[in-house]
Amino acid sequence: MEDLFSYAERYPLSPGFKEPGASRAAAEKMKPRTPTLRDMVLREIKAAGLRGLTADEAAAAIGKTEFAVRPRLTELYRLGLITKTKDRRPNASGVDATVWIAVVDA
């Protein structure tokens, strides 16, 4: 039987990885910062209202890299705190990116 402590160590509450090795090491290194980064990203998405934010916009808003923010968006989505819109906006590379908004009452 699982206890709350082992559950708290699982994705999306904790950074995920697909393969042991470098991916797992990166997830372990990010683990202490993940809750704070998630909270920062969620706060900015809520502040953006219905306009929402792309990953790049969220990263710029909190002064972090897109590589630190993109996984946090997936975690927030899996936690049911944000959702995708039908809108897309170009990111820094010119590719249209998903626009995220906060889930009401989340």
PDB file of N, CA and C in Angstrom:
ATOM      1  N   MET A   1       0.842  -1.188   0.000  1.00  0.00           N
ATOM      2  CA  MET A   1       0.000   0.000   0.000  1.00  0.00           C
ATOM      3  C   MET A   1       0.881   1.243   0.000  1.00  0.00           C
ATOM      4  N   GLU A   2       0.489   2.226  -0.811  1.00  0.00           N
ATOM      5  CA  GLU A   2       1.247   3.461  -0.913  1.00  0.00           C
ATOM      6  C   GLU A   2       0.908   4.402   0.229  1.00  0.00           C
ATOM      7  N   ASP A   3       1.892   5.144   0.692  1.00  0.00           N
ATOM      8  CA  ASP A   3       1.607   6.191   1.661  1.00  0.00           C
ATOM      9  C   ASP A   3       1.662   7.544   0.954  1.00  0.00           C
ATOM     10  N   LEU A   4       1.296   8.597   1.654  1.00  0.00           N
ATOM     11  CA  LEU A   4       1.273   9.926   1.051  1.00  0.00           C
ATOM     12  C   LEU A   4       2.648  10.386   0.618  1.00  0.00           C
ATOM     13  N   PHE A   5       3.688   9.955   1.314  1.00  0.00           N
ATOM     14  CA  PHE A   5       5.019  10.411   0.957  1.00  0.00           C
ATOM     15  C   PHE A   5       5.464   9.830  -0.379  1.00  0.00           C
ATOM     16  N   SER A   6       5.206   8.565  -0.619  1.00  0.00           N
ATOM     17  CA  SER A   6       5.597   8.004  -1.911  1.00  0.00           C
ATOM     18  C   SER A   6       4.724   8.579  -3.024  1.00  0.00           C
ATOM     19  N   TYR A   7       3.459   8.849  -2.747  1.00  0.00           N
ATOM     20  CA  TYR A   7       2.589   9.446  -3.767  1.00  0.00           C
ATOM     21  C   TYR A   7       3.097  10.829  -4.164  1.00  0.00           C
ATOM     22  N   ALA A   8       3.552  11.614  -3.193  1.00  0.00           N
ATOM     23  CA  ALA A   8       4.015  12.966  -3.465  1.00  0.00           C
ATOM     24  C   ALA A   8       5.254  12.976  -4.348  1.00  0.00           C
ATOM     25  N   GLU A   9       5.937  11.860  -4.457  1.00  0.00           N
ATOM     26  CA  GLU A   9       7.141  11.780  -5.270  1.00  0.00           C
ATOM     27  C   GLU A   9       6.827  11.471  -6.742  1.00  0.00           C
ATOM     28  N   ARG A  10       5.570  11.260  -7.082  1.00  0.00           N
ATOM     29  CA  ARG A  10       5.207  10.873  -8.441  1.00  0.00           C
ATOM     30  C   ARG A  10       4.767  12.056  -9.282  1.00  0.00           C
ATOM     31  N   TYR A  11       4.957  11.907 -10.577  1.00  0.00           N
ATOM     32  CA  TYR A  11       4.512  12.875 -11.560  1.00  0.00           C
ATOM     33  C   TYR A  11       2.989  12.943 -11.542  1.00  0.00           C
ATOM     34  N   PRO A  12       2.394  14.097 -11.640  1.00  0.00           N
ATOM     35  CA  PRO A  12       2.950  15.406 -11.936  1.00  0.00           C
ATOM     36  C   PRO A  12       3.324  16.247 -10.706  1.00  0.00           C
ATOM     37  N   LEU A  13       3.241  15.675  -9.528  1.00  0.00           N
ATOM     38  CA  LEU A  13       3.616  16.432  -8.333  1.00  0.00           C
ATOM     39  C   LEU A  13       5.126  16.573  -8.207  1.00  0.00           C
ATOM     40  N   SER A  14       5.847  15.720  -8.869  1.00  0.00           N
ATOM     41  CA  SER A  14       7.298  15.741  -8.878  1.00  0.00           C
ATOM     42  C   SER A  14       7.744  15.645 -10.330  1.00  0.00           C
ATOM     43  N   PRO A  15       8.882  16.236 -10.704  1.00  0.00           N
ATOM     44  CA  PRO A  15       9.311  16.184 -12.110  1.00  0.00           C
ATOM     45  C   PRO A  15       9.413  14.750 -12.614  1.00  0.00           C
ATOM     46  N   GLY A  16       9.026  14.553 -13.836  1.00  0.00           N
ATOM     47  CA  GLY A  16       9.047  13.219 -14.421  1.00  0.00           C
ATOM     48  C   GLY A  16      10.270  12.973 -15.278  1.00  0.00           C
ATOM     49  N   PHE A  17      10.462  11.720 -15.630  1.00  0.00           N
ATOM     50  CA  PHE A  17      11.524  11.329 -16.556  1.00  0.00           C
ATOM     51  C   PHE A  17      11.073  10.055 -17.255  1.00  0.00           C
ATOM     52  N   LYS A  18      11.568   9.864 -18.474  1.00  0.00           N
ATOM     53  CA  LYS A  18      11.161   8.700 -19.246  1.00  0.00           C
ATOM     54  C   LYS A  18      12.177   7.574 -19.175  1.00  0.00           C
ATOM     55  N   GLU A  19      13.423   7.903 -19.035  1.00  0.00           N
ATOM     56  CA  GLU A  19      14.481   6.907 -19.019  1.00  0.00           C
ATOM     57  C   GLU A  19      15.408   7.157 -17.842  1.00  0.00           C
ATOM     58  N   PRO A  20      15.944   6.119 -17.242  1.00  0.00           N
ATOM     59  CA  PRO A  20      16.964   6.329 -16.221  1.00  0.00           C
ATOM     60  C   PRO A  20      18.190   6.980 -16.849  1.00  0.00           C
ATOM     61  N   GLY A  21      19.025   7.552 -16.054  1.00  0.00           N
ATOM     62  CA  GLY A  21      20.231   8.190 -16.571  1.00  0.00           C
ATOM     63  C   GLY A  21      20.101   9.695 -16.493  1.00  0.00           C
ATOM     64  N   ALA A  22      20.467  10.363 -17.581  1.00  0.00           N
ATOM     65  CA  ALA A  22      20.489  11.824 -17.598  1.00  0.00           C
ATOM     66  C   ALA A  22      19.111  12.427 -17.331  1.00  0.00           C
ATOM     67  N   SER A  23      18.069  11.830 -17.894  1.00  0.00           N
ATOM     68  CA  SER A  23      16.719  12.341 -17.704  1.00  0.00           C
ATOM     69  C   SER A  23      16.310  12.288 -16.226  1.00  0.00           C
ATOM     70  N   ARG A  24      16.617  11.170 -15.601  1.00  0.00           N
ATOM     71  CA  ARG A  24      16.291  11.023 -14.180  1.00  0.00           C
ATOM     72  C   ARG A  24      17.118  11.986 -13.332  1.00  0.00           C
ATOM     73  N   ALA A  25      18.397  12.131 -13.665  1.00  0.00           N
ATOM     74  CA  ALA A  25      19.266  13.054 -12.923  1.00  0.00           C
ATOM     75  C   ALA A  25      18.750  14.480 -13.038  1.00  0.00           C
ATOM     76  N   ALA A  26      18.301  14.867 -14.220  1.00  0.00           N
ATOM     77  CA  ALA A  26      17.756  16.214 -14.406  1.00  0.00           C
ATOM     78  C   ALA A  26      16.487  16.406 -13.586  1.00  0.00           C
ATOM     79  N   ALA A  27      15.626  15.398 -13.564  1.00  0.00           N
ATOM     80  CA  ALA A  27      14.395  15.479 -12.774  1.00  0.00           C
ATOM     81  C   ALA A  27      14.720  15.608 -11.289  1.00  0.00           C
ATOM     82  N   GLU A  28      15.686  14.838 -10.820  1.00  0.00           N
ATOM     83  CA  GLU A  28      16.079  14.912  -9.406  1.00  0.00           C
ATOM     84  C   GLU A  28      16.647  16.286  -9.069  1.00  0.00           C
ATOM     85  N   LYS A  29      17.428  16.846  -9.983  1.00  0.00           N
ATOM     86  CA  LYS A  29      18.026  18.164  -9.750  1.00  0.00           C
ATOM     87  C   LYS A  29      16.945  19.253  -9.692  1.00  0.00           C
ATOM     88  N   MET A  30      15.902  19.108 -10.500  1.00  0.00           N
ATOM     89  CA  MET A  30      14.824  20.110 -10.546  1.00  0.00           C
ATOM     90  C   MET A  30      13.843  19.978  -9.392  1.00  0.00           C
ATOM     91  N   LYS A  31      13.789  18.814  -8.764  1.00  0.00           N
ATOM     92  CA  LYS A  31      12.761  18.526  -7.769  1.00  0.00           C
ATOM     93  C   LYS A  31      12.598  19.615  -6.701  1.00  0.00           C
ATOM     94  N   PRO A  32      13.670  20.141  -6.096  1.00  0.00           N
ATOM     95  CA  PRO A  32      13.480  21.161  -5.058  1.00  0.00           C
ATOM     96  C   PRO A  32      12.867  22.467  -5.577  1.00  0.00           C
ATOM     97  N   ARG A  33      13.127  22.792  -6.844  1.00  0.00           N
ATOM     98  CA  ARG A  33      12.630  24.059  -7.407  1.00  0.00           C
ATOM     99  C   ARG A  33      11.269  23.952  -8.072  1.00  0.00           C
ATOM    100  N   THR A  34      10.843  22.739  -8.362  1.00  0.00           N
ATOM    101  CA  THR A  34       9.626  22.542  -9.151  1.00  0.00           C
ATOM    102  C   THR A  34       8.376  23.170  -8.548  1.00  0.00           C
ATOM    103  N   PRO A  35       8.068  22.971  -7.265  1.00  0.00           N
ATOM    104  CA  PRO A  35       6.842  23.578  -6.729  1.00  0.00           C
ATOM    105  C   PRO A  35       6.831  25.095  -6.853  1.00  0.00           C
ATOM    106  N   THR A  36       7.960  25.734  -6.604  1.00  0.00           N
ATOM    107  CA  THR A  36       8.030  27.194  -6.713  1.00  0.00           C
ATOM    108  C   THR A  36       7.848  27.639  -8.150  1.00  0.00           C
ATOM    109  N   LEU A  37       8.515  26.975  -9.084  1.00  0.00           N
ATOM    110  CA  LEU A  37       8.361  27.327 -10.496  1.00  0.00           C
ATOM    111  C   LEU A  37       6.924  27.125 -10.961  1.00  0.00           C
ATOM    112  N   ARG A  38       6.314  26.014 -10.562  1.00  0.00           N
ATOM    113  CA  ARG A  38       4.912  25.764 -10.926  1.00  0.00           C
ATOM    114  C   ARG A  38       4.017  26.878 -10.410  1.00  0.00           C
ATOM    115  N   ASP A  39       4.226  27.279  -9.158  1.00  0.00           N
ATOM    116  CA  ASP A  39       3.422  28.351  -8.570  1.00  0.00           C
ATOM    117  C   ASP A  39       3.622  29.668  -9.314  1.00  0.00           C
ATOM    118  N   MET A  40       4.869  29.972  -9.681  1.00  0.00           N
ATOM    119  CA  MET A  40       5.154  31.210 -10.414  1.00  0.00           C
ATOM    120  C   MET A  40       4.456  31.211 -11.767  1.00  0.00           C
ATOM    121  N   VAL A  41       4.545  30.095 -12.480  1.00  0.00           N
ATOM    122  CA  VAL A  41       3.912  29.987 -13.799  1.00  0.00           C
ATOM    123  C   VAL A  41       2.398  30.105 -13.667  1.00  0.00           C
ATOM    124  N   LEU A  42       1.814  29.408 -12.719  1.00  0.00           N
ATOM    125  CA  LEU A  42       0.361  29.462 -12.533  1.00  0.00           C
ATOM    126  C   LEU A  42      -0.094  30.879 -12.196  1.00  0.00           C
ATOM    127  N   ARG A  43       0.651  31.563 -11.349  1.00  0.00           N
ATOM    128  CA  ARG A  43       0.302  32.942 -10.991  1.00  0.00           C
ATOM    129  C   ARG A  43       0.275  33.839 -12.236  1.00  0.00           C
ATOM    130  N   GLU A  44       1.260  33.692 -13.111  1.00  0.00           N
ATOM    131  CA  GLU A  44       1.312  34.520 -14.323  1.00  0.00           C
ATOM    132  C   GLU A  44       0.191  34.165 -15.294  1.00  0.00           C
ATOM    133  N   ILE A  45      -0.121  32.889 -15.415  1.00  0.00           N
ATOM    134  CA  ILE A  45      -1.214  32.484 -16.302  1.00  0.00           C
ATOM    135  C   ILE A  45      -2.541  33.023 -15.777  1.00  0.00           C
ATOM    136  N   LYS A  46      -2.739  32.953 -14.466  1.00  0.00           N
ATOM    137  CA  LYS A  46      -3.965  33.519 -13.887  1.00  0.00           C
ATOM    138  C   LYS A  46      -4.024  35.020 -14.128  1.00  0.00           C
ATOM    139  N   ALA A  47      -2.900  35.704 -13.974  1.00  0.00           N
ATOM    140  CA  ALA A  47      -2.861  37.155 -14.173  1.00  0.00           C
ATOM    141  C   ALA A  47      -3.151  37.531 -15.623  1.00  0.00           C
ATOM    142  N   ALA A  48      -2.802  36.664 -16.559  1.00  0.00           N
ATOM    143  CA  ALA A  48      -3.041  36.939 -17.978  1.00  0.00           C
ATOM    144  C   ALA A  48      -4.512  36.817 -18.347  1.00  0.00           C
ATOM    145  N   GLY A  49      -5.294  36.175 -17.493  1.00  0.00           N
ATOM    146  CA  GLY A  49      -6.727  36.031 -17.749  1.00  0.00           C
ATOM    147  C   GLY A  49      -7.009  35.237 -19.015  1.00  0.00           C
ATOM    148  N   LEU A  50      -8.024  35.643 -19.742  1.00  0.00           N
ATOM    149  CA  LEU A  50      -8.435  34.898 -20.939  1.00  0.00           C
ATOM    150  C   LEU A  50      -7.465  35.061 -22.102  1.00  0.00           C
ATOM    151  N   ARG A  51      -6.575  36.034 -22.028  1.00  0.00           N
ATOM    152  CA  ARG A  51      -5.549  36.171 -23.071  1.00  0.00           C
ATOM    153  C   ARG A  51      -4.607  34.980 -23.016  1.00  0.00           C
ATOM    154  N   GLY A  52      -4.340  34.473 -21.805  1.00  0.00           N
ATOM    155  CA  GLY A  52      -3.475  33.314 -21.631  1.00  0.00           C
ATOM    156  C   GLY A  52      -2.028  33.606 -21.953  1.00  0.00           C
ATOM    157  N   LEU A  53      -1.204  32.595 -21.834  1.00  0.00           N
ATOM    158  CA  LEU A  53       0.228  32.704 -22.112  1.00  0.00           C
ATOM    159  C   LEU A  53       0.716  31.454 -22.823  1.00  0.00           C
ATOM    160  N   THR A  54       1.689  31.642 -23.691  1.00  0.00           N
ATOM    161  CA  THR A  54       2.420  30.505 -24.254  1.00  0.00           C
ATOM    162  C   THR A  54       3.543  30.159 -23.277  1.00  0.00           C
ATOM    163  N   ALA A  55       4.219  29.059 -23.512  1.00  0.00           N
ATOM    164  CA  ALA A  55       5.349  28.677 -22.668  1.00  0.00           C
ATOM    165  C   ALA A  55       6.429  29.752 -22.690  1.00  0.00           C
ATOM    166  N   ASP A  56       6.730  30.270 -23.870  1.00  0.00           N
ATOM    167  CA  ASP A  56       7.757  31.299 -23.974  1.00  0.00           C
ATOM    168  C   ASP A  56       7.345  32.568 -23.235  1.00  0.00           C
ATOM    169  N   GLU A  57       6.073  32.947 -23.341  1.00  0.00           N
ATOM    170  CA  GLU A  57       5.584  34.143 -22.651  1.00  0.00           C
ATOM    171  C   GLU A  57       5.630  33.953 -21.142  1.00  0.00           C
ATOM    172  N   ALA A  58       5.263  32.771 -20.683  1.00  0.00           N
ATOM    173  CA  ALA A  58       5.317  32.479 -19.253  1.00  0.00           C
ATOM    174  C   ALA A  58       6.759  32.516 -18.756  1.00  0.00           C
ATOM    175  N   ALA A  59       7.680  31.946 -19.533  1.00  0.00           N
ATOM    176  CA  ALA A  59       9.094  31.952 -19.154  1.00  0.00           C
ATOM    177  C   ALA A  59       9.613  33.385 -19.042  1.00  0.00           C
ATOM    178  N   ALA A  60       9.278  34.225 -20.011  1.00  0.00           N
ATOM    179  CA  ALA A  60       9.714  35.623 -19.970  1.00  0.00           C
ATOM    180  C   ALA A  60       9.121  36.346 -18.768  1.00  0.00           C
ATOM    181  N   ALA A  61       7.870  36.050 -18.455  1.00  0.00           N
ATOM    182  CA  ALA A  61       7.187  36.726 -17.345  1.00  0.00           C
ATOM    183  C   ALA A  61       7.837  36.427 -15.999  1.00  0.00           C
ATOM    184  N   ILE A  62       8.389  35.220 -15.849  1.00  0.00           N
ATOM    185  CA  ILE A  62       9.006  34.863 -14.561  1.00  0.00           C
ATOM    186  C   ILE A  62      10.529  34.905 -14.611  1.00  0.00           C
ATOM    187  N   GLY A  63      11.083  35.257 -15.764  1.00  0.00           N
ATOM    188  CA  GLY A  63      12.527  35.377 -15.888  1.00  0.00           C
ATOM    189  C   GLY A  63      13.272  34.049 -15.858  1.00  0.00           C
ATOM    190  N   LYS A  64      12.647  33.009 -16.397  1.00  0.00           N
ATOM    191  CA  LYS A  64      13.269  31.681 -16.448  1.00  0.00           C
ATOM    192  C   LYS A  64      13.325  31.212 -17.898  1.00  0.00           C
ATOM    193  N   THR A  65      14.041  30.125 -18.140  1.00  0.00           N
ATOM    194  CA  THR A  65      14.140  29.603 -19.502  1.00  0.00           C
ATOM    195  C   THR A  65      12.882  28.818 -19.882  1.00  0.00           C
ATOM    196  N   GLU A  66      12.687  28.712 -21.171  1.00  0.00           N
ATOM    197  CA  GLU A  66      11.571  27.916 -21.673  1.00  0.00           C
ATOM    198  C   GLU A  66      11.725  26.459 -21.247  1.00  0.00           C
ATOM    199  N   PHE A  67      12.963  25.991 -21.137  1.00  0.00           N
ATOM    200  CA  PHE A  67      13.212  24.602 -20.746  1.00  0.00           C
ATOM    201  C   PHE A  67      12.804  24.333 -19.302  1.00  0.00           C
ATOM    202  N   ALA A  68      12.836  25.355 -18.468  1.00  0.00           N
ATOM    203  CA  ALA A  68      12.388  25.205 -17.082  1.00  0.00           C
ATOM    204  C   ALA A  68      10.868  25.297 -16.986  1.00  0.00           C
ATOM    205  N   VAL A  69      10.252  26.030 -17.904  1.00  0.00           N
ATOM    206  CA  VAL A  69       8.813  26.311 -17.827  1.00  0.00           C
ATOM    207  C   VAL A  69       7.958  25.274 -18.541  1.00  0.00           C
ATOM    208  N   ARG A  70       8.369  24.804 -19.686  1.00  0.00           N
ATOM    209  CA  ARG A  70       7.524  23.874 -20.460  1.00  0.00           C
ATOM    210  C   ARG A  70       7.089  22.649 -19.667  1.00  0.00           C
ATOM    211  N   PRO A  71       7.991  21.995 -18.937  1.00  0.00           N
ATOM    212  CA  PRO A  71       7.529  20.842 -18.145  1.00  0.00           C
ATOM    213  C   PRO A  71       6.554  21.240 -17.041  1.00  0.00           C
ATOM    214  N   ARG A  72       6.705  22.449 -16.504  1.00  0.00           N
ATOM    215  CA  ARG A  72       5.790  22.904 -15.454  1.00  0.00           C
ATOM    216  C   ARG A  72       4.387  23.090 -16.025  1.00  0.00           C
ATOM    217  N   LEU A  73       4.287  23.511 -17.288  1.00  0.00           N
ATOM    218  CA  LEU A  73       2.974  23.646 -17.926  1.00  0.00           C
ATOM    219  C   LEU A  73       2.303  22.284 -18.051  1.00  0.00           C
ATOM    220  N   THR A  74       3.053  21.291 -18.439  1.00  0.00           N
ATOM    221  CA  THR A  74       2.487  19.943 -18.542  1.00  0.00           C
ATOM    222  C   THR A  74       2.030  19.450 -17.178  1.00  0.00           C
ATOM    223  N   GLU A  75       2.831  19.707 -16.151  1.00  0.00           N
ATOM    224  CA  GLU A  75       2.432  19.304 -14.794  1.00  0.00           C
ATOM    225  C   GLU A  75       1.147  20.012 -14.369  1.00  0.00           C
ATOM    226  N   LEU A  76       1.082  21.323 -14.603  1.00  0.00           N
ATOM    227  CA  LEU A  76      -0.122  22.087 -14.246  1.00  0.00           C
ATOM    228  C   LEU A  76      -1.344  21.574 -15.013  1.00  0.00           C
ATOM    229  N   TYR A  77      -1.147  21.222 -16.270  1.00  0.00           N
ATOM    230  CA  TYR A  77      -2.231  20.675 -17.083  1.00  0.00           C
ATOM    231  C   TYR A  77      -2.697  19.336 -16.522  1.00  0.00           C
ATOM    232  N   ARG A  78      -1.761  18.466 -16.196  1.00  0.00           N
ATOM    233  CA  ARG A  78      -2.105  17.153 -15.636  1.00  0.00           C
ATOM    234  C   ARG A  78      -2.777  17.281 -14.268  1.00  0.00           C
ATOM    235  N   LEU A  79      -2.436  18.340 -13.534  1.00  0.00           N
ATOM    236  CA  LEU A  79      -3.065  18.586 -12.237  1.00  0.00           C
ATOM    237  C   LEU A  79      -4.440  19.245 -12.368  1.00  0.00           C
ATOM    238  N   GLY A  80      -4.830  19.600 -13.597  1.00  0.00           N
ATOM    239  CA  GLY A  80      -6.136  20.198 -13.841  1.00  0.00           C
ATOM    240  C   GLY A  80      -6.212  21.677 -13.484  1.00  0.00           C
ATOM    241  N   LEU A  81      -5.057  22.345 -13.405  1.00  0.00           N
ATOM    242  CA  LEU A  81      -5.039  23.753 -13.006  1.00  0.00           C
ATOM    243  C   LEU A  81      -5.022  24.712 -14.184  1.00  0.00           C
ATOM    244  N   ILE A  82      -4.586  24.231 -15.353  1.00  0.00           N
ATOM    245  CA  ILE A  82      -4.615  25.040 -16.574  1.00  0.00           C
ATOM    246  C   ILE A  82      -5.166  24.184 -17.700  1.00  0.00           C
ATOM    247  N   THR A  83      -5.562  24.860 -18.773  1.00  0.00           N
ATOM    248  CA  THR A  83      -6.068  24.143 -19.937  1.00  0.00           C
ATOM    249  C   THR A  83      -5.599  24.842 -21.204  1.00  0.00           C
ATOM    250  N   LYS A  84      -5.576  24.086 -22.292  1.00  0.00           N
ATOM    251  CA  LYS A  84      -5.206  24.627 -23.595  1.00  0.00           C
ATOM    252  C   LYS A  84      -6.382  25.413 -24.161  1.00  0.00           C
ATOM    253  N   THR A  85      -6.064  26.456 -24.890  1.00  0.00           N
ATOM    254  CA  THR A  85      -7.100  27.166 -25.638  1.00  0.00           C
ATOM    255  C   THR A  85      -6.974  26.773 -27.104  1.00  0.00           C
ATOM    256  N   LYS A  86      -7.876  27.247 -27.914  1.00  0.00           N
ATOM    257  CA  LYS A  86      -7.781  27.021 -29.349  1.00  0.00           C
ATOM    258  C   LYS A  86      -6.801  27.989 -29.986  1.00  0.00           C
ATOM    259  N   ASP A  87      -6.424  29.040 -29.235  1.00  0.00           N
ATOM    260  CA  ASP A  87      -5.496  30.046 -29.751  1.00  0.00           C
ATOM    261  C   ASP A  87      -4.072  29.515 -29.793  1.00  0.00           C
ATOM    262  N   ARG A  88      -3.313  30.050 -30.738  1.00  0.00           N
ATOM    263  CA  ARG A  88      -1.891  29.755 -30.840  1.00  0.00           C
ATOM    264  C   ARG A  88      -1.189  31.057 -31.206  1.00  0.00           C
ATOM    265  N   ARG A  89       0.011  31.229 -30.654  1.00  0.00           N
ATOM    266  CA  ARG A  89       0.818  32.407 -30.976  1.00  0.00           C
ATOM    267  C   ARG A  89       2.244  31.946 -31.263  1.00  0.00           C
ATOM    268  N   PRO A  90       2.944  32.692 -32.122  1.00  0.00           N
ATOM    269  CA  PRO A  90       4.311  32.283 -32.443  1.00  0.00           C
ATOM    270  C   PRO A  90       5.233  32.400 -31.235  1.00  0.00           C
ATOM    271  N   ASN A  91       6.104  31.409 -31.084  1.00  0.00           N
ATOM    272  CA  ASN A  91       7.106  31.485 -30.031  1.00  0.00           C
ATOM    273  C   ASN A  91       8.384  32.068 -30.619  1.00  0.00           C
ATOM    274  N   ALA A  92       9.470  32.050 -29.856  1.00  0.00           N
ATOM    275  CA  ALA A  92      10.729  32.667 -30.295  1.00  0.00           C
ATOM    276  C   ALA A  92      11.255  32.066 -31.595  1.00  0.00           C
ATOM    277  N   SER A  93      10.989  30.792 -31.836  1.00  0.00           N
ATOM    278  CA  SER A  93      11.475  30.161 -33.063  1.00  0.00           C
ATOM    279  C   SER A  93      10.521  30.368 -34.237  1.00  0.00           C
ATOM    280  N   GLY A  94       9.398  31.057 -34.004  1.00  0.00           N
ATOM    281  CA  GLY A  94       8.445  31.323 -35.073  1.00  0.00           C
ATOM    282  C   GLY A  94       7.375  30.261 -35.231  1.00  0.00           C
ATOM    283  N   VAL A  95       7.448  29.207 -34.440  1.00  0.00           N
ATOM    284  CA  VAL A  95       6.449  28.134 -34.496  1.00  0.00           C
ATOM    285  C   VAL A  95       5.260  28.527 -33.630  1.00  0.00           C
ATOM    286  N   ASP A  96       4.058  28.253 -34.115  1.00  0.00           N
ATOM    287  CA  ASP A  96       2.870  28.560 -33.328  1.00  0.00           C
ATOM    288  C   ASP A  96       2.810  27.673 -32.083  1.00  0.00           C
ATOM    289  N   ALA A  97       2.620  28.292 -30.937  1.00  0.00           N
ATOM    290  CA  ALA A  97       2.629  27.591 -29.665  1.00  0.00           C
ATOM    291  C   ALA A  97       1.261  27.631 -29.014  1.00  0.00           C
ATOM    292  N   THR A  98       0.982  26.649 -28.207  1.00  0.00           N
ATOM    293  CA  THR A  98      -0.255  26.562 -27.449  1.00  0.00           C
ATOM    294  C   THR A  98      -0.361  27.737 -26.475  1.00  0.00           C
ATOM    295  N   VAL A  99      -1.566  28.272 -26.369  1.00  0.00           N
ATOM    296  CA  VAL A  99      -1.862  29.309 -25.382  1.00  0.00           C
ATOM    297  C   VAL A  99      -2.625  28.633 -24.234  1.00  0.00           C
ATOM    298  N   TRP A 100      -2.147  28.850 -23.022  1.00  0.00           N
ATOM    299  CA  TRP A 100      -2.715  28.235 -21.831  1.00  0.00           C
ATOM    300  C   TRP A 100      -3.463  29.259 -20.993  1.00  0.00           C
ATOM    301  N   ILE A 101      -4.575  28.844 -20.390  1.00  0.00           N
ATOM    302  CA  ILE A 101      -5.302  29.687 -19.445  1.00  0.00           C
ATOM    303  C   ILE A 101      -5.564  28.881 -18.168  1.00  0.00           C
ATOM    304  N   ALA A 102      -5.826  29.593 -17.098  1.00  0.00           N
ATOM    305  CA  ALA A 102      -6.128  28.930 -15.820  1.00  0.00           C
ATOM    306  C   ALA A 102      -7.536  28.364 -15.865  1.00  0.00           C
ATOM    307  N   VAL A 103      -7.718  27.248 -15.189  1.00  0.00           N
ATOM    308  CA  VAL A 103      -9.039  26.661 -15.038  1.00  0.00           C
ATOM    309  C   VAL A 103      -9.758  27.464 -13.948  1.00  0.00           C
ATOM    310  N   VAL A 104     -10.981  27.836 -14.215  1.00  0.00           N
ATOM    311  CA  VAL A 104     -11.769  28.602 -13.250  1.00  0.00           C
ATOM    312  C   VAL A 104     -11.995  27.760 -12.005  1.00  0.00           C
ATOM    313  N   ASP A 105     -11.869  28.381 -10.849  1.00  0.00           N
ATOM    314  CA  ASP A 105     -12.063  27.728  -9.544  1.00  0.00           C
ATOM    315  C   ASP A 105     -11.026  26.656  -9.244  1.00  0.00           C
ATOM    316  N   ALA A 106      -9.850  26.764  -9.881  1.00  0.00           N
ATOM    317  CA  ALA A 106      -8.795  25.777  -9.586  1.00  0.00           C
ATOM    318  C   ALA A 106      -7.821  26.332  -8.586  1.00  0.00           C
TER     319      ALA A 106
END
